[in-house]
Amino acid sequence: MAFNIAQYIRESRDELRKVLWPSRKETLRHTLLVIGVSLGVAIFLGIADFLLNFAVARFLA
């Protein structure tokens, strides 16, 4: 089974034609969702870090 670059490119192109690409609206909505969840997690972790740091500092003082 020899590797044929032309066949690989042809098959890759054919497979890409079968892909159901998301609409611009879907892409924007999902992007904003990911950014929102990331910010939410970052805020949660920042608050948790602050509170734990405060608690440990009070405990050790």
Protein backbone atom coordinates (compact mmCIF):
# COMPACT_ATOMS: atom_id res chain seq x y z
CA MET A 1 0.00 0.00 0.00
CA ALA A 2 1.98 2.95 -1.30
CA PHE A 3 1.38 6.47 -0.04
CA ASN A 4 -0.10 8.63 -2.79
CA ILE A 5 -0.15 12.35 -1.95
CA ALA A 6 -2.52 13.23 -4.81
CA GLN A 7 -5.06 10.64 -3.63
CA TYR A 8 -4.75 11.88 -0.06
CA ILE A 9 -5.44 15.48 -1.12
CA ARG A 10 -8.37 14.42 -3.29
CA GLU A 11 -9.94 12.37 -0.48
CA SER A 12 -9.36 15.14 2.05
CA ARG A 13 -11.07 17.65 -0.23
CA ASP A 14 -14.01 15.27 -0.70
CA GLU A 15 -14.36 14.81 3.07
CA LEU A 16 -14.25 18.57 3.69
CA ARG A 17 -17.19 18.98 1.30
CA LYS A 18 -19.23 16.67 3.54
CA VAL A 19 -18.65 18.79 6.65
CA LEU A 20 -21.67 20.67 7.95
CA TRP A 21 -20.10 24.02 8.83
CA PRO A 22 -21.81 26.14 11.53
CA SER A 23 -23.44 29.41 10.57
CA ARG A 24 -21.89 32.74 11.53
CA LYS A 25 -24.63 33.22 14.14
CA GLU A 26 -23.95 29.80 15.71
CA THR A 27 -20.21 30.42 15.75
CA LEU A 28 -20.63 33.81 17.43
CA ARG A 29 -23.06 32.40 20.01
CA HIS A 30 -20.75 29.52 20.91
CA THR A 31 -17.72 31.82 21.05
CA LEU A 32 -19.50 34.16 23.46
CA LEU A 33 -20.62 31.17 25.54
CA VAL A 34 -17.04 29.91 25.85
CA ILE A 35 -15.78 33.38 26.79
CA GLY A 36 -18.57 33.77 29.37
CA VAL A 37 -17.95 30.38 30.97
CA SER A 38 -14.19 31.05 31.01
CA LEU A 39 -14.72 34.39 32.74
CA GLY A 40 -17.11 32.79 35.23
CA VAL A 41 -14.61 30.09 36.12
CA ALA A 42 -11.79 32.65 36.37
CA ILE A 43 -13.84 34.83 38.72
CA PHE A 44 -14.83 31.83 40.83
CA LEU A 45 -11.22 30.64 41.11
CA GLY A 46 -10.02 34.17 41.90
CA ILE A 47 -12.53 34.53 44.72
CA ALA A 48 -11.77 31.03 46.05
CA ASP A 49 -8.04 31.79 45.98
CA PHE A 50 -8.55 35.08 47.79
CA LEU A 51 -10.73 33.51 50.48
CA LEU A 52 -8.43 30.54 51.02
CA ASN A 53 -5.39 32.82 51.16
CA PHE A 54 -7.17 35.02 53.70
CA ALA A 55 -8.22 32.00 55.80
CA VAL A 56 -4.72 30.48 55.81
CA ALA A 57 -3.15 33.85 56.69
CA ARG A 58 -5.57 34.27 59.62
CA PHE A 59 -4.93 30.70 60.77
CA LEU A 60 -1.15 31.05 60.68
CA ALA A 61 -1.05 34.55 62.21
